[in-house]
């Protein structure tokens, strides 16, 4: 009976902690307090930048990334404001930086902490494609995919009973899971994004890029270049958690008419 009662409590907790995606409508279990994750991201982001010196503010690549990032940020804020969901962005302190390193990669932590690697820029090639990537990565943070992965990681690795322990008594465990979820650890491995997360981020990213004035059609040619970049060799780091295949292209094309509703050329 005690096990049954405990299971009911856990189930009730998960139901209460459900997050509904503003664009896709999908519900997900986010048991980690988002405010805690944003707090962790401030620490981890500063730590990362101290170990990976960002390009200066005056560098053309930094200015490009920050220009695109600011446009995407405004799109996100407008979309959520129009939906009456601005509270879901509470605590965000946006930051956009570029590190001069080879990985074909970019990421966004909770709270809008973004890093783009210079190794990605030869593949994006142009501003609209960069907007597609940044919209996609920011969408992961907005959709709280990292929170969902951490929740799943807790349950898989430690069982449901560890949830309350991790949340209340084991901050080191929470930090370790955070580093796993966002690929910041070299020893724990990364909790990969699921295909569901990828599809969701693709769709959300297209909407945010379109609202920022970028033609969402740029996504097709960009992902084709990403697939070519990984052809016949180890895939770029970006593709290690971002699968590029015919299914992705099919999904992008199917969603394109919806995304184009938000696109105004010259905006």
C-alpha atoms as a PDB file:
ATOM      1  CA  UNK A   1       0.000   0.000   0.000  1.00  0.00           C
ATOM      2  CA  UNK A   2       2.852   2.363   0.817  1.00  0.00           C
ATOM      3  CA  UNK A   3       4.373   1.786  -2.627  1.00  0.00           C
ATOM      4  CA  UNK A   4       1.025   2.435  -4.275  1.00  0.00           C
ATOM      5  CA  UNK A   5       0.516   5.618  -2.268  1.00  0.00           C
ATOM      6  CA  UNK A   6       4.040   6.781  -3.098  1.00  0.00           C
ATOM      7  CA  UNK A   7       3.466   6.091  -6.789  1.00  0.00           C
ATOM      8  CA  UNK A   8       0.267   8.133  -6.669  1.00  0.00           C
ATOM      9  CA  UNK A   9       2.141  11.036  -5.073  1.00  0.00           C
ATOM     10  CA  UNK A  10       4.847  10.872  -7.751  1.00  0.00           C
ATOM     11  CA  UNK A  11       2.230  10.709 -10.525  1.00  0.00           C
ATOM     12  CA  UNK A  12       0.377  13.671  -9.051  1.00  0.00           C
ATOM     13  CA  UNK A  13       3.641  15.613  -8.835  1.00  0.00           C
ATOM     14  CA  UNK A  14       4.406  14.918 -12.486  1.00  0.00           C
ATOM     15  CA  UNK A  15       0.921  15.971 -13.571  1.00  0.00           C
ATOM     16  CA  UNK A  16       1.168  19.216 -11.592  1.00  0.00           C
ATOM     17  CA  UNK A  17       4.615  19.918 -13.064  1.00  0.00           C
ATOM     18  CA  UNK A  18       3.466  19.475 -16.670  1.00  0.00           C
ATOM     19  CA  UNK A  19       4.537  22.170 -19.122  1.00  0.00           C
ATOM     20  CA  UNK A  20       2.455  22.902 -22.244  1.00  0.00           C
ATOM     21  CA  UNK A  21       4.333  24.018 -25.347  1.00  0.00           C
ATOM     22  CA  UNK A  22       2.907  27.282 -26.665  1.00  0.00           C
ATOM     23  CA  UNK A  23       3.361  26.342 -30.342  1.00  0.00           C
ATOM     24  CA  UNK A  24       2.911  22.566 -30.560  1.00  0.00           C
ATOM     25  CA  UNK A  25       0.621  22.049 -27.577  1.00  0.00           C
ATOM     26  CA  UNK A  26       2.663  19.080 -26.362  1.00  0.00           C
ATOM     27  CA  UNK A  27       2.755  18.540 -22.610  1.00  0.00           C
ATOM     28  CA  UNK A  28       5.924  17.448 -20.814  1.00  0.00           C
ATOM     29  CA  UNK A  29       7.011  16.693 -17.256  1.00  0.00           C
ATOM     30  CA  UNK A  30       9.349  19.401 -15.896  1.00  0.00           C
ATOM     31  CA  UNK A  31      10.016  18.583 -12.262  1.00  0.00           C
ATOM     32  CA  UNK A  32      13.062  20.811 -11.876  1.00  0.00           C
ATOM     33  CA  UNK A  33      12.101  24.367 -10.834  1.00  0.00           C
ATOM     34  CA  UNK A  34      12.865  26.513 -13.879  1.00  0.00           C
ATOM     35  CA  UNK A  35      14.105  29.328 -11.642  1.00  0.00           C
ATOM     36  CA  UNK A  36      16.726  26.929 -10.259  1.00  0.00           C
ATOM     37  CA  UNK A  37      17.859  25.972 -13.751  1.00  0.00           C
ATOM     38  CA  UNK A  38      18.169  29.615 -14.771  1.00  0.00           C
ATOM     39  CA  UNK A  39      20.254  30.204 -11.658  1.00  0.00           C
ATOM     40  CA  UNK A  40      22.459  27.237 -12.550  1.00  0.00           C
ATOM     41  CA  UNK A  41      22.817  28.490 -16.113  1.00  0.00           C
ATOM     42  CA  UNK A  42      24.200  31.827 -14.890  1.00  0.00           C
ATOM     43  CA  UNK A  43      26.972  30.003 -13.059  1.00  0.00           C
ATOM     44  CA  UNK A  44      27.702  27.458 -15.763  1.00  0.00           C
ATOM     45  CA  UNK A  45      27.608  30.044 -18.567  1.00  0.00           C
ATOM     46  CA  UNK A  46      30.110  32.291 -16.805  1.00  0.00           C
ATOM     47  CA  UNK A  47      32.291  29.265 -16.085  1.00  0.00           C
ATOM     48  CA  UNK A  48      32.183  28.203 -19.730  1.00  0.00           C
ATOM     49  CA  UNK A  49      33.140  31.673 -20.966  1.00  0.00           C
ATOM     50  CA  UNK A  50      36.014  31.834 -18.492  1.00  0.00           C
ATOM     51  CA  UNK A  51      37.381  28.615 -19.997  1.00  0.00           C
ATOM     52  CA  UNK A  52      36.485  29.420 -23.632  1.00  0.00           C
ATOM     53  CA  UNK A  53      37.278  33.081 -24.217  1.00  0.00           C
ATOM     54  CA  UNK A  54      34.571  34.704 -26.368  1.00  0.00           C
ATOM     55  CA  UNK A  55      35.371  36.909 -29.334  1.00  0.00           C
ATOM     56  CA  UNK A  56      35.424  40.656 -28.565  1.00  0.00           C
ATOM     57  CA  UNK A  57      32.342  42.827 -28.953  1.00  0.00           C
ATOM     58  CA  UNK A  58      33.909  44.543 -31.970  1.00  0.00           C
ATOM     59  CA  UNK A  59      34.415  41.306 -33.945  1.00  0.00           C
ATOM     60  CA  UNK A  60      32.151  41.154 -37.000  1.00  0.00           C
ATOM     61  CA  UNK A  61      31.106  37.605 -36.132  1.00  0.00           C
ATOM     62  CA  UNK A  62      30.051  38.651 -32.641  1.00  0.00           C
ATOM     63  CA  UNK A  63      28.064  41.570 -34.008  1.00  0.00           C
ATOM     64  CA  UNK A  64      26.357  39.294 -36.535  1.00  0.00           C
ATOM     65  CA  UNK A  65      25.370  36.722 -33.919  1.00  0.00           C
ATOM     66  CA  UNK A  66      24.136  39.373 -31.500  1.00  0.00           C
ATOM     67  CA  UNK A  67      22.132  41.120 -34.219  1.00  0.00           C
ATOM     68  CA  UNK A  68      20.412  37.878 -35.202  1.00  0.00           C
ATOM     69  CA  UNK A  69      20.018  36.810 -31.580  1.00  0.00           C
ATOM     70  CA  UNK A  70      18.378  40.066 -30.565  1.00  0.00           C
ATOM     71  CA  UNK A  71      15.873  39.754 -33.414  1.00  0.00           C
ATOM     72  CA  UNK A  72      15.021  36.185 -32.382  1.00  0.00           C
ATOM     73  CA  UNK A  73      14.733  37.308 -28.750  1.00  0.00           C
ATOM     74  CA  UNK A  74      12.218  40.002 -29.705  1.00  0.00           C
ATOM     75  CA  UNK A  75      10.240  37.465 -31.739  1.00  0.00           C
ATOM     76  CA  UNK A  76      10.087  35.081 -28.795  1.00  0.00           C
ATOM     77  CA  UNK A  77       9.007  37.832 -26.417  1.00  0.00           C
ATOM     78  CA  UNK A  78       6.328  39.070 -28.824  1.00  0.00           C
ATOM     79  CA  UNK A  79       4.969  35.587 -29.503  1.00  0.00           C
ATOM     80  CA  UNK A  80       4.655  34.795 -25.813  1.00  0.00           C
ATOM     81  CA  UNK A  81       3.258  38.228 -25.012  1.00  0.00           C
ATOM     82  CA  UNK A  82       0.593  37.850 -27.709  1.00  0.00           C
ATOM     83  CA  UNK A  83      -0.353  34.489 -26.174  1.00  0.00           C
ATOM     84  CA  UNK A  84      -0.478  35.945 -22.659  1.00  0.00           C
ATOM     85  CA  UNK A  85       2.400  33.682 -21.629  1.00  0.00           C
ATOM     86  CA  UNK A  86       5.141  36.184 -20.832  1.00  0.00           C
ATOM     87  CA  UNK A  87       5.435  34.645 -17.371  1.00  0.00           C
ATOM     88  CA  UNK A  88       7.100  31.612 -19.014  1.00  0.00           C
ATOM     89  CA  UNK A  89      10.055  33.879 -19.857  1.00  0.00           C
ATOM     90  CA  UNK A  90      10.391  35.215 -16.330  1.00  0.00           C
ATOM     91  CA  UNK A  91      13.997  35.409 -15.197  1.00  0.00           C
ATOM     92  CA  UNK A  92      15.472  35.393 -18.717  1.00  0.00           C
ATOM     93  CA  UNK A  93      18.677  37.409 -19.033  1.00  0.00           C
ATOM     94  CA  UNK A  94      19.598  37.080 -22.692  1.00  0.00           C
ATOM     95  CA  UNK A  95      23.241  36.878 -23.732  1.00  0.00           C
ATOM     96  CA  UNK A  96      24.832  36.051 -27.087  1.00  0.00           C
ATOM     97  CA  UNK A  97      28.509  35.148 -27.440  1.00  0.00           C
ATOM     98  CA  UNK A  98      30.795  33.595 -30.036  1.00  0.00           C
ATOM     99  CA  UNK A  99      33.797  31.372 -29.286  1.00  0.00           C
ATOM    100  CA  UNK A 100      36.530  30.876 -31.880  1.00  0.00           C
ATOM    101  CA  UNK A 101      36.550  27.082 -31.882  1.00  0.00           C
ATOM    102  CA  UNK A 102      36.179  24.400 -34.552  1.00  0.00           C
ATOM    103  CA  UNK A 103      33.032  22.462 -33.500  1.00  0.00           C
ATOM    104  CA  UNK A 104      30.078  22.917 -35.836  1.00  0.00           C
ATOM    105  CA  UNK A 105      27.851  23.734 -32.918  1.00  0.00           C
ATOM    106  CA  UNK A 106      25.641  26.197 -31.034  1.00  0.00           C
ATOM    107  CA  UNK A 107      23.543  25.947 -27.871  1.00  0.00           C
ATOM    108  CA  UNK A 108      21.253  27.862 -25.544  1.00  0.00           C
ATOM    109  CA  UNK A 109      20.935  27.397 -21.780  1.00  0.00           C
ATOM    110  CA  UNK A 110      17.845  28.237 -19.692  1.00  0.00           C
ATOM    111  CA  UNK A 111      17.406  31.975 -19.381  1.00  0.00           C
ATOM    112  CA  UNK A 112      18.599  32.728 -22.914  1.00  0.00           C
ATOM    113  CA  UNK A 113      22.337  32.093 -22.550  1.00  0.00           C
ATOM    114  CA  UNK A 114      23.571  31.442 -26.091  1.00  0.00           C
ATOM    115  CA  UNK A 115      26.941  30.406 -27.520  1.00  0.00           C
ATOM    116  CA  UNK A 116      27.764  30.032 -31.222  1.00  0.00           C
ATOM    117  CA  UNK A 117      31.028  28.405 -32.317  1.00  0.00           C
ATOM    118  CA  UNK A 118      32.878  29.926 -35.283  1.00  0.00           C
ATOM    119  CA  UNK A 119      33.055  26.427 -36.775  1.00  0.00           C
ATOM    120  CA  UNK A 120      29.327  26.680 -37.472  1.00  0.00           C
ATOM    121  CA  UNK A 121      29.499  29.879 -39.533  1.00  0.00           C
ATOM    122  CA  UNK A 122      31.004  28.374 -42.719  1.00  0.00           C
ATOM    123  CA  UNK A 123      28.049  25.976 -42.790  1.00  0.00           C
ATOM    124  CA  UNK A 124      25.339  28.555 -42.087  1.00  0.00           C
ATOM    125  CA  UNK A 125      26.970  30.792 -44.742  1.00  0.00           C
ATOM    126  CA  UNK A 126      24.340  33.528 -44.490  1.00  0.00           C
ATOM    127  CA  UNK A 127      22.259  35.429 -41.943  1.00  0.00           C
ATOM    128  CA  UNK A 128      18.912  33.664 -42.578  1.00  0.00           C
ATOM    129  CA  UNK A 129      20.532  30.245 -42.020  1.00  0.00           C
ATOM    130  CA  UNK A 130      22.181  31.497 -38.827  1.00  0.00           C
ATOM    131  CA  UNK A 131      18.740  32.663 -37.693  1.00  0.00           C
ATOM    132  CA  UNK A 132      17.375  29.163 -38.330  1.00  0.00           C
ATOM    133  CA  UNK A 133      20.064  27.633 -36.117  1.00  0.00           C
ATOM    134  CA  UNK A 134      19.715  30.188 -33.339  1.00  0.00           C
ATOM    135  CA  UNK A 135      15.921  29.962 -33.451  1.00  0.00           C
ATOM    136  CA  UNK A 136      16.203  26.181 -33.152  1.00  0.00           C
ATOM    137  CA  UNK A 137      18.593  26.296 -30.187  1.00  0.00           C
ATOM    138  CA  UNK A 138      16.649  29.021 -28.384  1.00  0.00           C
ATOM    139  CA  UNK A 139      13.496  26.957 -28.936  1.00  0.00           C
ATOM    140  CA  UNK A 140      15.050  24.089 -26.973  1.00  0.00           C
ATOM    141  CA  UNK A 141      15.456  26.433 -23.989  1.00  0.00           C
ATOM    142  CA  UNK A 142      12.032  28.039 -24.381  1.00  0.00           C
ATOM    143  CA  UNK A 143      10.373  24.619 -24.602  1.00  0.00           C
ATOM    144  CA  UNK A 144      12.251  23.523 -21.450  1.00  0.00           C
ATOM    145  CA  UNK A 145      13.629  20.458 -23.182  1.00  0.00           C
ATOM    146  CA  UNK A 146      16.643  20.441 -20.861  1.00  0.00           C
ATOM    147  CA  UNK A 147      14.339  20.392 -17.847  1.00  0.00           C
ATOM    148  CA  UNK A 148      12.470  17.475 -19.377  1.00  0.00           C
ATOM    149  CA  UNK A 149      15.728  15.602 -20.036  1.00  0.00           C
ATOM    150  CA  UNK A 150      16.888  16.198 -16.474  1.00  0.00           C
ATOM    151  CA  UNK A 151      13.584  14.897 -15.144  1.00  0.00           C
ATOM    152  CA  UNK A 152      13.887  11.795 -17.323  1.00  0.00           C
ATOM    153  CA  UNK A 153      17.500  11.369 -16.253  1.00  0.00           C
ATOM    154  CA  UNK A 154      16.558  11.427 -12.598  1.00  0.00           C
ATOM    155  CA  UNK A 155      13.894   8.792 -13.054  1.00  0.00           C
ATOM    156  CA  UNK A 156      16.016   6.536 -15.269  1.00  0.00           C
ATOM    157  CA  UNK A 157      19.227   6.756 -13.244  1.00  0.00           C
ATOM    158  CA  UNK A 158      17.951   6.949  -9.699  1.00  0.00           C
ATOM    159  CA  UNK A 159      14.278   5.969  -9.727  1.00  0.00           C
ATOM    160  CA  UNK A 160      11.277   8.042  -8.780  1.00  0.00           C
ATOM    161  CA  UNK A 161      12.303   8.041  -5.135  1.00  0.00           C
ATOM    162  CA  UNK A 162      15.357  10.167  -5.978  1.00  0.00           C
ATOM    163  CA  UNK A 163      13.282  13.051  -7.259  1.00  0.00           C
ATOM    164  CA  UNK A 164      12.632  14.666  -3.902  1.00  0.00           C
ATOM    165  CA  UNK A 165      16.209  13.931  -2.761  1.00  0.00           C
ATOM    166  CA  UNK A 166      17.729  15.558  -5.828  1.00  0.00           C
ATOM    167  CA  UNK A 167      15.471  18.566  -5.635  1.00  0.00           C
ATOM    168  CA  UNK A 168      15.831  19.188  -1.908  1.00  0.00           C
ATOM    169  CA  UNK A 169      18.994  17.580  -0.568  1.00  0.00           C
ATOM    170  CA  UNK A 170      21.449  16.918  -3.395  1.00  0.00           C
ATOM    171  CA  UNK A 171      22.406  20.122  -5.237  1.00  0.00           C
ATOM    172  CA  UNK A 172      25.546  18.411  -6.584  1.00  0.00           C
ATOM    173  CA  UNK A 173      23.365  15.780  -8.250  1.00  0.00           C
ATOM    174  CA  UNK A 174      21.188  18.475  -9.782  1.00  0.00           C
ATOM    175  CA  UNK A 175      24.274  20.262 -11.104  1.00  0.00           C
ATOM    176  CA  UNK A 176      25.649  17.041 -12.585  1.00  0.00           C
ATOM    177  CA  UNK A 177      22.385  16.379 -14.394  1.00  0.00           C
ATOM    178  CA  UNK A 178      22.367  19.977 -15.647  1.00  0.00           C
ATOM    179  CA  UNK A 179      25.833  19.491 -17.102  1.00  0.00           C
ATOM    180  CA  UNK A 180      24.708  16.267 -18.741  1.00  0.00           C
ATOM    181  CA  UNK A 181      21.577  17.800 -20.190  1.00  0.00           C
ATOM    182  CA  UNK A 182      23.447  20.711 -21.761  1.00  0.00           C
ATOM    183  CA  UNK A 183      26.573  18.855 -22.850  1.00  0.00           C
ATOM    184  CA  UNK A 184      28.888  20.691 -20.445  1.00  0.00           C
ATOM    185  CA  UNK A 185      30.466  17.578 -18.967  1.00  0.00           C
ATOM    186  CA  UNK A 186      33.168  15.511 -20.629  1.00  0.00           C
ATOM    187  CA  UNK A 187      32.757  12.571 -18.250  1.00  0.00           C
ATOM    188  CA  UNK A 188      29.051  12.058 -17.748  1.00  0.00           C
ATOM    189  CA  UNK A 189      27.930  12.013 -21.362  1.00  0.00           C
ATOM    190  CA  UNK A 190      25.039  13.998 -22.830  1.00  0.00           C
ATOM    191  CA  UNK A 191      21.361  13.268 -22.348  1.00  0.00           C
ATOM    192  CA  UNK A 192      20.486  13.359 -26.039  1.00  0.00           C
ATOM    193  CA  UNK A 193      17.573  15.315 -27.388  1.00  0.00           C
ATOM    194  CA  UNK A 194      14.825  13.006 -28.544  1.00  0.00           C
ATOM    195  CA  UNK A 195      13.364  13.118 -32.046  1.00  0.00           C
ATOM    196  CA  UNK A 196      10.274  14.691 -30.457  1.00  0.00           C
ATOM    197  CA  UNK A 197      12.413  17.496 -29.036  1.00  0.00           C
ATOM    198  CA  UNK A 198      14.136  18.021 -32.377  1.00  0.00           C
ATOM    199  CA  UNK A 199      10.883  18.221 -34.312  1.00  0.00           C
ATOM    200  CA  UNK A 200       9.448  20.621 -31.770  1.00  0.00           C
ATOM    201  CA  UNK A 201      12.542  22.855 -31.851  1.00  0.00           C
ATOM    202  CA  UNK A 202      12.509  22.807 -35.663  1.00  0.00           C
ATOM    203  CA  UNK A 203       8.927  24.047 -35.773  1.00  0.00           C
ATOM    204  CA  UNK A 204       9.352  26.651 -33.050  1.00  0.00           C
ATOM    205  CA  UNK A 205      12.629  27.860 -34.558  1.00  0.00           C
ATOM    206  CA  UNK A 206      10.991  28.374 -37.944  1.00  0.00           C
ATOM    207  CA  UNK A 207       8.260  30.503 -36.364  1.00  0.00           C
ATOM    208  CA  UNK A 208      10.715  32.633 -34.379  1.00  0.00           C
ATOM    209  CA  UNK A 209      13.012  33.145 -37.399  1.00  0.00           C
ATOM    210  CA  UNK A 210      10.053  34.031 -39.628  1.00  0.00           C
ATOM    211  CA  UNK A 211       8.758  36.553 -37.099  1.00  0.00           C
ATOM    212  CA  UNK A 212      12.251  38.093 -37.044  1.00  0.00           C
ATOM    213  CA  UNK A 213      12.027  38.724 -40.786  1.00  0.00           C
ATOM    214  CA  UNK A 214      13.987  35.719 -42.067  1.00  0.00           C
ATOM    215  CA  UNK A 215      12.584  33.489 -44.794  1.00  0.00           C
ATOM    216  CA  UNK A 216      11.990  30.100 -43.117  1.00  0.00           C
ATOM    217  CA  UNK A 217      12.757  28.388 -46.440  1.00  0.00           C
ATOM    218  CA  UNK A 218      16.432  28.889 -45.518  1.00  0.00           C
ATOM    219  CA  UNK A 219      16.031  25.915 -43.175  1.00  0.00           C
ATOM    220  CA  UNK A 220      15.883  23.431 -46.062  1.00  0.00           C
ATOM    221  CA  UNK A 221      19.194  24.389 -47.666  1.00  0.00           C
ATOM    222  CA  UNK A 222      20.859  24.770 -44.276  1.00  0.00           C
ATOM    223  CA  UNK A 223      19.968  21.273 -43.052  1.00  0.00           C
ATOM    224  CA  UNK A 224      21.031  19.879 -46.427  1.00  0.00           C
ATOM    225  CA  UNK A 225      24.450  21.492 -45.927  1.00  0.00           C
ATOM    226  CA  UNK A 226      24.608  20.082 -42.408  1.00  0.00           C
ATOM    227  CA  UNK A 227      23.931  16.603 -43.779  1.00  0.00           C
ATOM    228  CA  UNK A 228      26.695  17.062 -46.367  1.00  0.00           C
ATOM    229  CA  UNK A 229      29.085  18.308 -43.674  1.00  0.00           C
ATOM    230  CA  UNK A 230      28.690  14.963 -41.918  1.00  0.00           C
ATOM    231  CA  UNK A 231      28.831  12.825 -45.051  1.00  0.00           C
ATOM    232  CA  UNK A 232      31.553  10.190 -45.136  1.00  0.00           C
ATOM    233  CA  UNK A 233      33.078  11.195 -41.797  1.00  0.00           C
ATOM    234  CA  UNK A 234      32.260  11.604 -38.134  1.00  0.00           C
ATOM    235  CA  UNK A 235      29.271  13.975 -38.028  1.00  0.00           C
ATOM    236  CA  UNK A 236      29.737  17.536 -36.793  1.00  0.00           C
ATOM    237  CA  UNK A 237      29.149  17.938 -33.067  1.00  0.00           C
ATOM    238  CA  UNK A 238      25.984  19.839 -33.897  1.00  0.00           C
ATOM    239  CA  UNK A 239      24.607  16.733 -35.601  1.00  0.00           C
ATOM    240  CA  UNK A 240      25.507  14.417 -32.732  1.00  0.00           C
ATOM    241  CA  UNK A 241      22.331  15.553 -30.984  1.00  0.00           C
ATOM    242  CA  UNK A 242      20.589  17.058 -34.022  1.00  0.00           C
ATOM    243  CA  UNK A 243      19.854  14.248 -36.492  1.00  0.00           C
ATOM    244  CA  UNK A 244      19.537  15.355 -40.104  1.00  0.00           C
ATOM    245  CA  UNK A 245      17.665  12.948 -42.352  1.00  0.00           C
ATOM    246  CA  UNK A 246      14.806  12.645 -44.821  1.00  0.00           C
ATOM    247  CA  UNK A 247      12.286  12.631 -41.993  1.00  0.00           C
ATOM    248  CA  UNK A 248      13.490  16.038 -40.789  1.00  0.00           C
ATOM    249  CA  UNK A 249      13.298  17.497 -44.303  1.00  0.00           C
ATOM    250  CA  UNK A 250       9.808  16.079 -44.784  1.00  0.00           C
ATOM    251  CA  UNK A 251       8.646  17.559 -41.476  1.00  0.00           C
ATOM    252  CA  UNK A 252      10.163  20.954 -42.285  1.00  0.00           C
ATOM    253  CA  UNK A 253       8.445  21.070 -45.674  1.00  0.00           C
ATOM    254  CA  UNK A 254       5.127  20.047 -44.159  1.00  0.00           C
ATOM    255  CA  UNK A 255       5.335  22.760 -41.496  1.00  0.00           C
ATOM    256  CA  UNK A 256       6.637  25.466 -43.874  1.00  0.00           C
ATOM    257  CA  UNK A 257       3.184  26.872 -44.840  1.00  0.00           C
ATOM    258  CA  UNK A 258       2.416  27.429 -41.138  1.00  0.00           C
ATOM    259  CA  UNK A 259       5.790  29.078 -40.534  1.00  0.00           C
ATOM    260  CA  UNK A 260       5.349  31.369 -43.538  1.00  0.00           C
ATOM    261  CA  UNK A 261       2.224  32.827 -41.959  1.00  0.00           C
ATOM    262  CA  UNK A 262       4.597  34.650 -39.597  1.00  0.00           C
ATOM    263  CA  UNK A 263       6.994  35.832 -42.323  1.00  0.00           C
ATOM    264  CA  UNK A 264       6.873  39.302 -43.790  1.00  0.00           C
ATOM    265  CA  UNK A 265       9.569  39.996 -46.361  1.00  0.00           C
ATOM    266  CA  UNK A 266      11.607  43.084 -45.543  1.00  0.00           C
ATOM    267  CA  UNK A 267      10.428  43.213 -41.918  1.00  0.00           C
END
